[in-house]
Structures are given as structure tokens and as C-alpha cells.
Amino acid sequence: MNGLIIDNFAGGGGASTGIAWAIGRSVDIAINHDPDAIAMHKANHPETLHYCESVFDIDPLQATAGKPVDLAWFSPDCKHFSKAKGSKPVNKEIRGLAWVAIRWAMKVRPKIIMLENVEEFKTWGPVIECLATESMRPCPDRKGETFDAFVKMLSDGIDADHPALTECVDTLGLLDTAKLIKGLGYKVEWREMRACDFGSPTIRKRFFMIARCDNQPIVWPQPTHGAPDSEEVKSGRLKPWRTAAECIDWSIPCKSIFGRKRPLAENTMKRIAKGIQKFVIDSANPFIAPAQVTITPFVTECANASAQRNMPANEPLRTICAEIKGGHFALVTSHMVKMRGTNIGFEMTEPAHTITAGGLHLGEVRAFFIKYYGNEQDGVACNEPLHTITTNDRFGLVTIKGESYQIVDIGLRMLEPHELFACQGFSSDYIISDYNGKSTKKQQVARVGNSVPPQLSEALVKANLPGQSKQIAKAA
């Protein structure tokens, strides 16, 4: 008889979905304090028993009713470890959420414990008060101290006077510390894994810890995908990484960055300009969007070697000359733009970059082109459409695969929730809207930000629970 599978910090269901792909059924118990997260999880995993409570308010013995536990998964909040938080104050209680894994290990002794977090989780240590800002900050001299203690408690024990023991006892409300001092007898390993190496279209890199007490070896799954130009991919040993392009809904219009009622911020324009320069103008092989992509703000004509004319698409079509050279809208390129950090974006042929809790920071930029035939001015005056690109009279002329094109418009839009879920590796049939009556875009994005790409939990569970693994088909 197979033991129970428990998903703590279940969120919208990323880890649970991958586990279900691996074992052929939903997890048995999912725990999360957020009603909206539980609502999405319940819509996609109706067979699961859901607890909408703090993980600290759940008694593992009562929740499992004395049944054996094969796997307890933990994905505690990572924001107060992540480097994305920068120098902002941290919350000691949120940083201590991982202590709940100790409670489960002590009370129901899962055969396997898996914990997922950001890479910086290894730096878990005490926090101290910063007098200058009257806020709590990680102690720079004690990085990793609490993490080491956490591992020792799970494995071979800890000194009775270790300060982390007091923190653990206070957090969990424990009275008997003898088990922790002796150690819980788990074998513990950890490493970092990239989602793109296991079939998810995101480069998301995360920390994973596996602890097991059933005398079986810890197994780390081997990558199934790799960089397209790697020898492993060229030789057929690995599949090429999935890309951002396959996650984009090309039917969604991309609004022009020009002539908006509310102009884009200067920094946004600079990011777009740098992206156009890097991924289109200077690129030897810019990504060409699928044929169904069209420009919505303008209709453009280029006839008899005359200067191109742009016409609003919501007006009656103007006179079209009998001879049109090159037709209308010959080419559309696309790349991704990031609205945070120093990275300006990435190419469509790469996996998507990390989607954080806020979520709405990845956008798509489309450059619209027509064939260029020249005119009497031997160039096209563009009147400085983007300040950070050189603005001479030949700006906007781009050679793509040996042919000259002229940029007639540039569009920008932020990715929609269903595209973000696709970038994170969720299948197209995953329920992300109307799961709680009427979900907002903000609620949907909150569920995908910092979620576990299902391919990672699938790979880990298949490798370590082969007896339970019955892979089920998943929609593209």
C-alpha cells in the first residue's frame, strides 16, 4: 500500500501538478493559508484534501490519521532569502517557515522530505537589528549557521546549546528536544536545478533538498534537455530547451509604443530601445514571429519606390496604387523585455526568465517591418523615435537574412496570465481563471509567481518514488 503524499505551502499547485504527473494521481493533502491559492489548487486537484490554514496550525498526526507518509513536500516562502529582495528588511518568522519540516519529521516521519527554495536558502542564519534603520537584517558574520543546524537536526544531531535549537523549539512550540539533539536519522543532500534542463520553458534555477530515512539512496534525476548548441543536444542525447516563443499567444495585439495617451516611462523606452538594438538590429538571426501576427495600429504602403505611407487601421483604407512592391507587412520580429533588474530582456529562442511573485514584469516587444526599396533621400527620417538608438537618417533600416526592411512600428505588451503559466511549465488545460467565482488578473499572476515548475517536482518524485510512479498524459 502506498503512503500519503503531502504538499505543504501548496500555492496554486505547481509542485502538486508535477507530483501528479509522476504518480498518476493527485496529492493526498494540500496545505496553504491563502484562500485564493487553495481555490485554484482545489479546482485542479479536486480529489485532494485541502486545509486552508497556516502550516503551523496543522497537526501532522491528525491530518494523516495515523497513515504512513511516503513524501512530504515543502516550498516555504522564499522572498526573505532571495537576492531579488536586495537590502530590504527581512522577517524572521517568514525566514523560519522551513522549521515546519522538522515537525513533520518528528511526528509522522515521512520516508522522503523534499524542500524547494531559492539558492540563497543555504545562507539561512540569524537576523539582527540594524540600529540605523530600526529593522531586521541577516547577520553577515553568521551566514548559513541556521541552515547547517537545520540539516544536523534532520540527520545526526546538534549541540544542546546551539542557538538555532532555541529558535526551532520556540517556532514549533516543542517541549522535548532530545530527538533533535540526537538527530532524526535522515540522510540529507541538496543541489541546485534549472527547470529548463527538465523540459520546462523557463531558466528558473532553484535549490532542492532531499532527506530520506528508508535506507534507500537519494536519487537526483538526470537532465532531459539542454542548450541547442550543446554536444548533448546535437548528438541526440538531450532534447533542446523549450523556448519562450512557444508560450506566447500570438493572437494578442501588441499596442504601439508611440502616440499613447499615457507615454511609457523613460526607463521602459530605454529597455525597449536596447532590446531592439541587441535582438533585432545587431542580431544575425532575429526571431521572426509566426505568419499570423499582424500590425494593428497602422496599415503601411510602399509603392513605386515612393516613401512609405502609414495609415491608421481604424480608418477607411486609402487609395492603393496598382503596383505594390513587396505587399503589406512583410515581417514581424519579437523578443522579450524585462521590467526589473539590469537585464534588458532575452530572445524568443531562449527559455523564459524567472517569474517572481509580482509576475507582471515580463513583456513582449514586436517590431513591424516592410520591405525597403529606397527613395530619393536615400533614407528614411525617423525623428528620434527612440532616444538611446543612434538617430541618423537611415535609422529603421535593418538587413534580415540578406534583405532590407524598414521598421514602421514597435509594439509592447505585458504577458497575460495564461502565457506566464505556460512559461512556468503548466499545461494548457490548467484552470487559472474563474476558479473562485471571478478571479482577477492580479490573483492569477500571484499564483504563478514563484511557483514550482511542475517538471521539476515530476522529475524528483519519479526518481525517488519509483514504486508510486505511474506517469499520466499531460496536455501541451
Protein backbone atom coordinates (compact mmCIF):
# COMPACT_ATOMS: atom_id res chain seq x y z
CA MET A 1 0.00 0.00 0.00
CA ASN A 2 1.37 3.37 -0.98
CA GLY A 3 1.81 6.01 1.70
CA LEU A 4 0.35 9.52 1.70
CA ILE A 5 1.75 12.41 -0.35
CA ILE A 6 1.58 15.79 1.39
CA ASP A 7 2.11 19.24 -0.20
CA ASN A 8 2.81 21.95 2.38
CA PHE A 9 2.80 25.58 1.13
CA ALA A 10 0.80 24.22 -1.81
CA GLY A 11 0.12 27.54 -3.53
CA GLY A 12 -1.69 27.29 -6.85
CA GLY A 13 -0.45 23.75 -7.37
CA GLY A 14 2.87 23.74 -9.24
CA ALA A 15 4.56 21.09 -7.11
CA SER A 16 1.32 19.10 -6.76
CA THR A 17 0.82 19.05 -10.52
CA GLY A 18 4.30 17.67 -11.19
CA ILE A 19 3.84 15.08 -8.45
CA ALA A 20 0.52 14.05 -10.00
CA TRP A 21 2.20 13.69 -13.41
CA ALA A 22 4.73 11.37 -11.76
CA ILE A 23 2.43 9.15 -9.67
CA GLY A 24 -0.73 9.23 -11.77
CA ARG A 25 -2.97 10.75 -9.09
CA SER A 26 -3.37 13.94 -7.08
CA VAL A 27 -1.55 14.51 -3.82
CA ASP A 28 -3.49 13.38 -0.75
CA ILE A 29 -3.24 16.56 1.34
CA ALA A 30 -2.52 20.18 0.38
CA ILE A 31 -1.96 22.95 2.93
CA ASN A 32 -1.92 26.71 2.39
CA HIS A 33 -3.14 29.69 4.40
CA ASP A 34 -4.32 31.66 1.34
CA PRO A 35 -7.99 31.02 0.37
CA ASP A 36 -7.34 32.07 -3.22
CA ALA A 37 -4.41 29.66 -3.56
CA ILE A 38 -6.48 26.84 -2.11
CA ALA A 39 -9.33 27.68 -4.52
CA MET A 40 -7.06 27.31 -7.56
CA HIS A 41 -5.48 24.17 -6.14
CA LYS A 42 -8.90 22.65 -5.44
CA ALA A 43 -10.14 23.42 -8.97
CA ASN A 44 -7.23 21.49 -10.44
CA HIS A 45 -6.92 18.80 -7.78
CA PRO A 46 -10.47 18.10 -6.59
CA GLU A 47 -9.56 14.70 -5.12
CA THR A 48 -7.09 16.27 -2.68
CA LEU A 49 -7.98 17.00 0.96
CA HIS A 50 -7.38 20.75 1.38
CA TYR A 51 -6.51 22.64 4.55
CA CYS A 52 -6.81 26.41 4.30
CA GLU A 53 -4.72 27.09 7.39
CA SER A 54 -1.23 28.07 8.43
CA VAL A 55 1.17 25.16 8.18
CA PHE A 56 1.98 25.73 11.85
CA ASP A 57 -1.65 25.17 12.84
CA ILE A 58 -1.77 21.69 11.28
CA ASP A 59 -1.08 18.68 13.49
CA PRO A 60 0.60 16.12 11.19
CA LEU A 61 -0.75 13.21 13.26
CA GLN A 62 -4.34 14.39 12.99
CA ALA A 63 -4.05 15.34 9.32
CA THR A 64 -2.71 11.95 8.31
CA ALA A 65 -4.95 9.95 10.68
CA GLY A 66 -2.05 7.69 11.53
CA LYS A 67 -1.41 6.59 7.92
CA PRO A 68 2.20 6.30 6.71
CA VAL A 69 3.63 9.19 4.72
CA ASP A 70 5.79 8.47 1.68
CA LEU A 71 6.53 12.10 0.78
CA ALA A 72 6.17 15.49 2.44
CA TRP A 73 6.92 18.39 0.07
CA PHE A 74 7.78 21.87 1.38
CA SER A 75 8.03 25.11 -0.60
CA PRO A 76 8.25 27.79 2.12
CA ASP A 77 8.08 31.46 1.17
CA CYS A 78 11.38 32.42 -0.45
CA LYS A 79 11.11 36.22 -0.63
CA HIS A 80 13.07 36.81 2.56
CA PHE A 81 16.02 34.81 1.26
CA SER A 82 16.00 35.82 -2.40
CA LYS A 83 18.65 38.17 -3.74
CA ALA A 84 15.79 39.89 -5.57
CA LYS A 85 14.81 41.37 -2.20
CA GLY A 86 18.08 43.27 -2.19
CA SER A 87 18.88 45.15 1.02
CA LYS A 88 15.28 45.43 2.20
CA PRO A 89 14.46 44.35 5.79
CA VAL A 90 13.68 40.69 6.38
CA ASN A 91 11.07 38.98 8.52
CA LYS A 92 12.43 36.39 10.95
CA GLU A 93 9.14 34.48 11.09
CA ILE A 94 8.90 34.12 7.31
CA ARG A 95 12.56 33.08 7.11
CA GLY A 96 11.74 30.41 9.71
CA LEU A 97 8.87 28.76 7.85
CA ALA A 98 11.09 25.81 6.91
CA TRP A 99 11.12 24.73 10.58
CA VAL A 100 7.74 23.10 9.94
CA ALA A 101 9.57 20.30 8.09
CA ILE A 102 11.15 19.36 11.44
CA ARG A 103 7.69 18.99 12.98
CA TRP A 104 6.58 16.60 10.23
CA ALA A 105 9.82 14.63 10.54
CA MET A 106 9.37 14.28 14.30
CA LYS A 107 5.65 13.45 14.33
CA VAL A 108 4.97 11.26 11.27
CA ARG A 109 8.46 10.54 9.92
CA PRO A 110 7.85 10.76 6.15
CA LYS A 111 10.03 8.37 4.18
CA ILE A 112 11.08 11.28 1.98
CA ILE A 113 11.13 15.02 2.63
CA MET A 114 11.67 17.39 -0.28
CA LEU A 115 12.20 21.12 0.22
CA GLU A 116 12.35 23.73 -2.51
CA ASN A 117 13.55 27.33 -2.24
CA VAL A 118 15.85 29.94 -3.75
CA GLU A 119 19.59 29.35 -3.99
CA GLU A 120 20.17 31.74 -1.08
CA PHE A 121 18.33 29.40 1.30
CA LYS A 122 21.76 27.95 2.10
CA THR A 123 22.64 31.31 3.71
CA TRP A 124 19.84 30.97 6.31
CA GLY A 125 21.25 32.40 9.51
CA PRO A 126 20.33 34.61 12.48
CA VAL A 127 18.92 38.09 11.95
CA ILE A 128 19.99 41.12 13.94
CA GLU A 129 18.53 44.57 14.40
CA CYS A 130 20.04 47.34 12.31
CA LEU A 131 20.05 50.37 14.58
CA ALA A 132 20.38 52.82 11.71
CA THR A 133 17.15 51.68 10.08
CA GLU A 134 15.46 50.05 13.09
CA SER A 135 14.83 46.94 11.02
CA MET A 136 15.94 43.31 11.00
CA ARG A 137 18.78 42.20 8.69
CA PRO A 138 20.65 38.91 8.23
CA CYS A 139 23.82 38.83 10.34
CA PRO A 140 26.67 38.96 7.78
CA ASP A 141 29.05 37.06 10.09
CA ARG A 142 26.70 34.10 10.68
CA LYS A 143 25.51 33.23 7.19
CA GLY A 144 24.45 29.62 6.86
CA GLU A 145 24.51 28.93 10.61
CA THR A 146 20.80 28.14 10.88
CA PHE A 147 20.84 26.15 7.64
CA ASP A 148 23.64 23.93 8.97
CA ALA A 149 21.69 23.42 12.20
CA PHE A 150 18.53 22.54 10.26
CA VAL A 151 20.44 19.83 8.38
CA LYS A 152 22.00 18.48 11.58
CA MET A 153 18.64 18.21 13.29
CA LEU A 154 17.34 16.15 10.38
CA SER A 155 20.45 13.99 10.26
CA ASP A 156 22.95 13.24 13.03
CA GLY A 157 22.10 15.72 15.77
CA ILE A 158 23.05 19.10 17.19
CA ASP A 159 24.67 20.50 20.32
CA ALA A 160 22.22 21.17 23.12
CA ASP A 161 23.41 24.78 23.45
CA HIS A 162 23.20 25.66 19.75
CA PRO A 163 21.21 28.91 19.37
CA ALA A 164 19.25 27.52 16.39
CA LEU A 165 17.82 24.82 18.67
CA THR A 166 16.13 27.51 20.73
CA GLU A 167 14.76 29.16 17.59
CA CYS A 168 13.35 25.85 16.33
CA VAL A 169 11.77 25.00 19.70
CA ASP A 170 10.22 28.45 20.05
CA THR A 171 8.86 28.41 16.49
CA LEU A 172 7.30 24.95 16.74
CA GLY A 173 6.34 25.09 20.42
CA LEU A 174 8.30 21.93 21.24
CA LEU A 175 8.94 20.76 24.77
CA ASP A 176 11.08 17.67 24.16
CA THR A 177 14.30 18.48 22.33
CA ALA A 178 16.04 15.16 22.93
CA LYS A 179 15.21 13.87 19.43
CA LEU A 180 16.71 16.93 17.78
CA ILE A 181 19.86 16.79 19.86
CA LYS A 182 20.27 13.14 18.91
CA GLY A 183 19.24 13.75 15.28
CA LEU A 184 16.26 12.40 13.35
CA GLY A 185 18.31 9.97 11.30
CA TYR A 186 17.64 11.27 7.81
CA LYS A 187 20.19 11.18 5.04
CA VAL A 188 20.25 14.71 3.59
CA GLU A 189 21.50 16.05 0.26
CA TRP A 190 20.85 19.21 -1.71
CA ARG A 191 21.68 20.79 -5.02
CA GLU A 192 20.50 23.43 -7.47
CA MET A 193 18.44 22.53 -10.53
CA ARG A 194 17.32 24.52 -13.56
CA ALA A 195 13.78 23.99 -14.79
CA CYS A 196 14.81 24.29 -18.45
CA ASP A 197 17.01 21.21 -18.08
CA PHE A 198 13.93 19.11 -17.31
CA GLY A 199 11.51 20.27 -20.00
CA SER A 200 10.10 23.49 -18.57
CA PRO A 201 10.34 26.61 -20.78
CA THR A 202 11.92 28.73 -18.02
CA ILE A 203 15.52 29.09 -16.87
CA ARG A 204 14.31 29.24 -13.26
CA LYS A 205 17.12 27.96 -11.01
CA ARG A 206 16.13 26.65 -7.59
CA PHE A 207 17.53 24.96 -4.50
CA PHE A 208 16.26 21.46 -3.71
CA MET A 209 16.87 19.40 -0.60
CA ILE A 210 16.03 15.71 -0.31
CA ALA A 211 16.01 13.91 3.03
CA ARG A 212 15.07 10.27 3.38
CA CYS A 213 15.00 7.73 6.21
CA ASP A 214 14.01 4.49 4.45
CA ASN A 215 17.57 3.27 3.81
CA GLN A 216 17.14 3.89 0.09
CA PRO A 217 19.57 6.09 -1.86
CA ILE A 218 18.76 9.68 -2.72
CA VAL A 219 18.46 9.91 -6.49
CA TRP A 220 18.98 13.10 -8.46
CA PRO A 221 17.29 12.99 -11.88
CA GLN A 222 19.41 13.49 -14.96
CA PRO A 223 18.62 16.43 -17.26
CA THR A 224 16.46 15.65 -20.26
CA HIS A 225 17.03 18.93 -22.13
CA GLY A 226 19.99 21.15 -22.91
CA ALA A 227 21.27 24.16 -24.83
CA PRO A 228 20.53 23.78 -28.56
CA ASP A 229 24.20 24.25 -29.45
CA SER A 230 25.49 21.73 -26.90
CA GLU A 231 27.07 18.45 -27.96
CA GLU A 232 24.46 16.52 -25.96
CA VAL A 233 21.66 18.06 -27.99
CA LYS A 234 23.47 17.83 -31.32
CA SER A 235 24.15 14.15 -30.72
CA GLY A 236 20.54 13.48 -29.75
CA ARG A 237 21.30 12.55 -26.12
CA LEU A 238 19.22 15.51 -24.89
CA LYS A 239 16.28 17.44 -26.29
CA PRO A 240 16.75 21.17 -26.91
CA TRP A 241 15.44 23.58 -24.29
CA ARG A 242 11.85 24.64 -24.75
CA THR A 243 11.56 28.35 -25.58
CA ALA A 244 9.63 31.45 -24.65
CA ALA A 245 8.24 31.60 -28.19
CA GLU A 246 6.07 28.53 -27.68
CA CYS A 247 4.42 30.21 -24.67
CA ILE A 248 3.39 33.40 -26.47
CA ASP A 249 -0.21 33.88 -27.56
CA TRP A 250 0.47 35.44 -30.95
CA SER A 251 -3.19 36.35 -31.45
CA ILE A 252 -2.95 39.10 -28.81
CA PRO A 253 -2.32 42.55 -30.38
CA CYS A 254 0.79 44.44 -29.37
CA LYS A 255 0.00 48.14 -28.81
CA SER A 256 2.31 50.68 -30.39
CA ILE A 257 4.75 52.36 -28.04
CA PHE A 258 4.15 55.65 -29.88
CA GLY A 259 1.20 58.00 -29.50
CA ARG A 260 -0.12 56.55 -26.26
CA LYS A 261 -2.36 58.75 -24.12
CA ARG A 262 -0.04 57.97 -21.24
CA PRO A 263 3.53 57.82 -22.56
CA LEU A 264 5.71 54.95 -21.44
CA ALA A 265 8.26 55.68 -18.74
CA GLU A 266 11.69 56.77 -19.94
CA ASN A 267 13.36 53.68 -18.48
CA THR A 268 10.87 51.46 -20.28
CA MET A 269 11.65 53.18 -23.58
CA LYS A 270 15.35 52.69 -22.93
CA ARG A 271 14.85 48.98 -22.29
CA ILE A 272 12.86 48.65 -25.50
CA ALA A 273 15.48 50.57 -27.46
CA LYS A 274 18.32 48.44 -26.15
CA GLY A 275 16.35 45.30 -26.86
CA ILE A 276 15.60 46.33 -30.43
CA GLN A 277 19.27 47.16 -30.93
CA LYS A 278 20.50 43.88 -29.46
CA PHE A 279 17.89 41.39 -30.60
CA VAL A 280 16.91 42.86 -33.97
CA ILE A 281 19.32 45.41 -35.45
CA ASP A 282 22.56 43.80 -34.29
CA SER A 283 21.29 40.23 -34.39
CA ALA A 284 22.48 37.95 -37.16
CA ASN A 285 19.31 35.90 -36.83
CA PRO A 286 16.43 37.80 -35.19
CA PHE A 287 13.36 35.80 -34.21
CA ILE A 288 10.65 36.08 -36.87
CA ALA A 289 7.15 35.92 -35.40
CA PRO A 290 4.62 33.46 -36.83
CA ALA A 291 2.87 34.45 -40.04
CA GLN A 292 -0.47 35.19 -38.36
CA VAL A 293 1.00 38.15 -36.44
CA THR A 294 -0.10 41.45 -37.98
CA ILE A 295 0.29 45.08 -37.06
CA THR A 296 -2.82 46.65 -35.61
CA PRO A 297 -2.07 50.39 -35.27
CA PHE A 298 -1.10 51.03 -38.88
CA VAL A 299 -1.60 49.89 -42.45
CA THR A 300 1.51 50.60 -44.50
CA GLU A 301 2.04 51.03 -48.22
CA CYS A 302 5.24 51.05 -50.23
CA ALA A 303 4.64 51.62 -53.94
CA ASN A 304 6.63 52.72 -57.00
CA ALA A 305 9.73 53.34 -54.87
CA SER A 306 7.91 56.17 -53.13
CA ALA A 307 8.20 56.95 -49.46
CA GLN A 308 6.16 54.63 -47.27
CA ARG A 309 2.76 55.82 -46.06
CA ASN A 310 1.31 54.82 -42.67
CA MET A 311 -2.48 54.80 -42.27
CA PRO A 312 -4.47 54.27 -39.05
CA ALA A 313 -6.06 50.85 -39.15
CA ASN A 314 -9.36 52.15 -37.79
CA GLU A 315 -9.93 54.48 -40.76
CA PRO A 316 -11.22 53.58 -44.25
CA LEU A 317 -8.43 52.25 -46.43
CA ARG A 318 -6.90 54.96 -48.62
CA THR A 319 -6.20 54.73 -52.32
CA ILE A 320 -3.95 51.79 -53.16
CA CYS A 321 -1.72 52.10 -56.21
CA ALA A 322 -1.99 49.46 -58.89
CA GLU A 323 1.56 48.27 -58.38
CA ILE A 324 2.56 47.48 -54.83
CA LYS A 325 6.08 46.33 -54.34
CA GLY A 326 6.53 43.81 -51.59
CA GLY A 327 2.93 43.81 -50.42
CA HIS A 328 1.91 44.83 -46.84
CA PHE A 329 3.51 43.81 -43.59
CA ALA A 330 6.27 41.55 -44.79
CA LEU A 331 7.94 40.80 -41.43
CA VAL A 332 7.42 40.95 -37.67
CA THR A 333 10.19 40.27 -35.16
CA SER A 334 9.67 39.61 -31.47
CA HIS A 335 11.72 39.44 -28.30
CA MET A 336 11.12 39.61 -24.57
CA VAL A 337 11.69 42.61 -22.31
CA LYS A 338 12.25 42.57 -18.54
CA MET A 339 10.98 45.46 -16.43
CA ARG A 340 13.15 44.69 -13.39
CA GLY A 341 16.85 44.44 -12.70
CA THR A 342 19.59 45.31 -15.14
CA ASN A 343 18.78 42.64 -17.74
CA ILE A 344 17.00 44.24 -20.71
CA GLY A 345 15.39 41.02 -21.88
CA PHE A 346 16.07 37.91 -23.87
CA GLU A 347 15.43 36.25 -27.20
CA MET A 348 12.32 34.25 -28.01
CA THR A 349 14.52 31.27 -28.75
CA GLU A 350 15.57 31.07 -25.08
CA PRO A 351 13.60 29.68 -22.15
CA ALA A 352 11.66 32.35 -20.26
CA HIS A 353 13.40 34.06 -17.38
CA THR A 354 12.24 33.70 -13.76
CA ILE A 355 8.70 34.81 -12.97
CA THR A 356 8.69 36.31 -9.49
CA ALA A 357 5.81 36.84 -7.08
CA GLY A 358 4.74 40.13 -8.70
CA GLY A 359 4.65 38.41 -12.06
CA LEU A 360 3.83 41.41 -14.26
CA HIS A 361 7.39 42.24 -15.27
CA LEU A 362 7.80 40.24 -18.48
CA GLY A 363 6.68 41.81 -21.72
CA GLU A 364 6.80 41.13 -25.42
CA VAL A 365 8.22 43.62 -27.91
CA ARG A 366 7.27 43.36 -31.58
CA ALA A 367 8.97 45.29 -34.35
CA PHE A 368 6.95 45.60 -37.55
CA PHE A 369 8.74 45.85 -40.90
CA ILE A 370 8.04 46.30 -44.58
CA LYS A 371 10.39 45.69 -47.50
CA TYR A 372 12.59 48.72 -48.11
CA TYR A 373 13.23 49.90 -51.67
CA GLY A 374 14.86 53.28 -51.07
CA ASN A 375 13.81 56.78 -52.16
CA GLU A 376 15.26 59.99 -53.45
CA GLN A 377 16.50 60.89 -49.98
CA ASP A 378 18.34 57.56 -49.75
CA GLY A 379 16.95 57.03 -46.28
CA VAL A 380 14.01 57.47 -44.00
CA ALA A 381 13.86 60.27 -41.48
CA CYS A 382 12.63 58.87 -38.19
CA ASN A 383 12.71 61.95 -35.95
CA GLU A 384 14.31 60.22 -33.00
CA PRO A 385 11.67 57.60 -32.21
CA LEU A 386 13.91 56.04 -29.54
CA HIS A 387 16.47 58.23 -27.82
CA THR A 388 19.02 55.57 -26.97
CA ILE A 389 19.46 54.31 -30.53
CA THR A 390 21.61 56.26 -32.97
CA THR A 391 19.26 58.57 -34.85
CA ASN A 392 20.69 59.17 -38.28
CA ASP A 393 18.63 59.34 -41.46
CA ARG A 394 18.97 55.63 -42.05
CA PHE A 395 17.66 54.52 -38.66
CA GLY A 396 14.97 51.91 -39.03
CA LEU A 397 16.70 50.12 -41.89
CA VAL A 398 17.55 46.56 -40.97
CA THR A 399 19.09 43.80 -43.03
CA ILE A 400 17.45 40.49 -42.20
CA LYS A 401 18.65 37.40 -43.98
CA GLY A 402 20.20 39.50 -46.73
CA GLU A 403 17.17 41.71 -47.41
CA SER A 404 16.50 45.30 -46.36
CA TYR A 405 13.48 46.09 -44.20
CA GLN A 406 12.24 49.29 -42.63
CA ILE A 407 10.75 49.48 -39.13
CA VAL A 408 7.28 51.00 -39.36
CA ASP A 409 6.17 50.48 -35.77
CA ILE A 410 7.19 48.96 -32.44
CA GLY A 411 4.70 47.40 -30.05
CA LEU A 412 4.85 46.47 -26.38
CA ARG A 413 2.51 44.46 -24.19
CA MET A 414 2.87 42.67 -20.89
CA LEU A 415 2.34 38.91 -20.85
CA GLU A 416 -1.09 37.65 -19.88
CA PRO A 417 -1.57 35.15 -17.02
CA HIS A 418 -2.10 32.17 -19.33
CA GLU A 419 1.21 32.96 -21.04
CA LEU A 420 3.00 33.24 -17.69
CA PHE A 421 1.62 29.87 -16.61
CA ALA A 422 2.81 28.39 -19.90
CA CYS A 423 6.28 29.89 -19.34
CA GLN A 424 6.36 28.25 -15.92
CA GLY A 425 5.66 24.84 -17.41
CA PHE A 426 1.95 24.40 -16.66
CA SER A 427 -0.12 22.57 -19.26
CA SER A 428 -2.72 24.42 -21.34
CA ASP A 429 -5.66 22.76 -19.57
CA TYR A 430 -4.65 24.04 -16.13
CA ILE A 431 -7.52 26.04 -14.62
CA ILE A 432 -6.33 29.57 -13.82
CA SER A 433 -9.49 31.68 -14.20
CA ASP A 434 -12.92 31.65 -12.55
CA TYR A 435 -11.74 29.05 -10.05
CA ASN A 436 -13.14 31.12 -7.19
CA GLY A 437 -16.19 32.59 -8.89
CA LYS A 438 -14.41 35.51 -10.50
CA SER A 439 -10.64 35.71 -10.34
CA THR A 440 -8.73 38.89 -11.17
CA LYS A 441 -5.59 39.06 -13.26
CA LYS A 442 -3.69 40.06 -10.11
CA GLN A 443 -4.87 36.91 -8.32
CA GLN A 444 -3.92 34.71 -11.26
CA VAL A 445 -0.45 36.23 -11.52
CA ALA A 446 0.07 35.86 -7.76
CA ARG A 447 -0.44 32.11 -8.15
CA VAL A 448 2.14 31.70 -10.90
CA GLY A 449 4.84 33.97 -9.45
CA ASN A 450 7.48 31.90 -7.66
CA SER A 451 5.51 28.71 -8.34
CA VAL A 452 7.30 25.39 -8.74
CA PRO A 453 7.66 24.40 -12.41
CA PRO A 454 5.82 21.05 -12.46
CA GLN A 455 8.54 19.37 -14.50
CA LEU A 456 10.96 19.71 -11.56
CA SER A 457 8.74 18.05 -8.95
CA GLU A 458 7.79 15.42 -11.53
CA ALA A 459 11.44 14.52 -12.18
CA LEU A 460 12.35 14.40 -8.49
CA VAL A 461 9.39 12.24 -7.49
CA LYS A 462 9.79 9.81 -10.39
CA ALA A 463 13.44 9.34 -9.45
CA ASN A 464 12.84 8.78 -5.74
CA LEU A 465 9.41 7.13 -5.60
CA PRO A 466 9.56 4.67 -8.49
CA GLY A 467 7.05 2.41 -6.76
CA GLN A 468 4.40 5.11 -6.87
CA SER A 469 5.25 6.47 -10.30
CA LYS A 470 2.59 5.98 -12.94
CA GLN A 471 3.11 8.84 -15.33
CA ILE A 472 -0.08 10.32 -16.74
CA ALA A 473 -0.53 12.13 -20.01
CA LYS A 474 -0.43 15.91 -19.81
CA ALA A 475 -1.78 18.45 -22.27
CA ALA A 476 0.68 20.53 -24.25
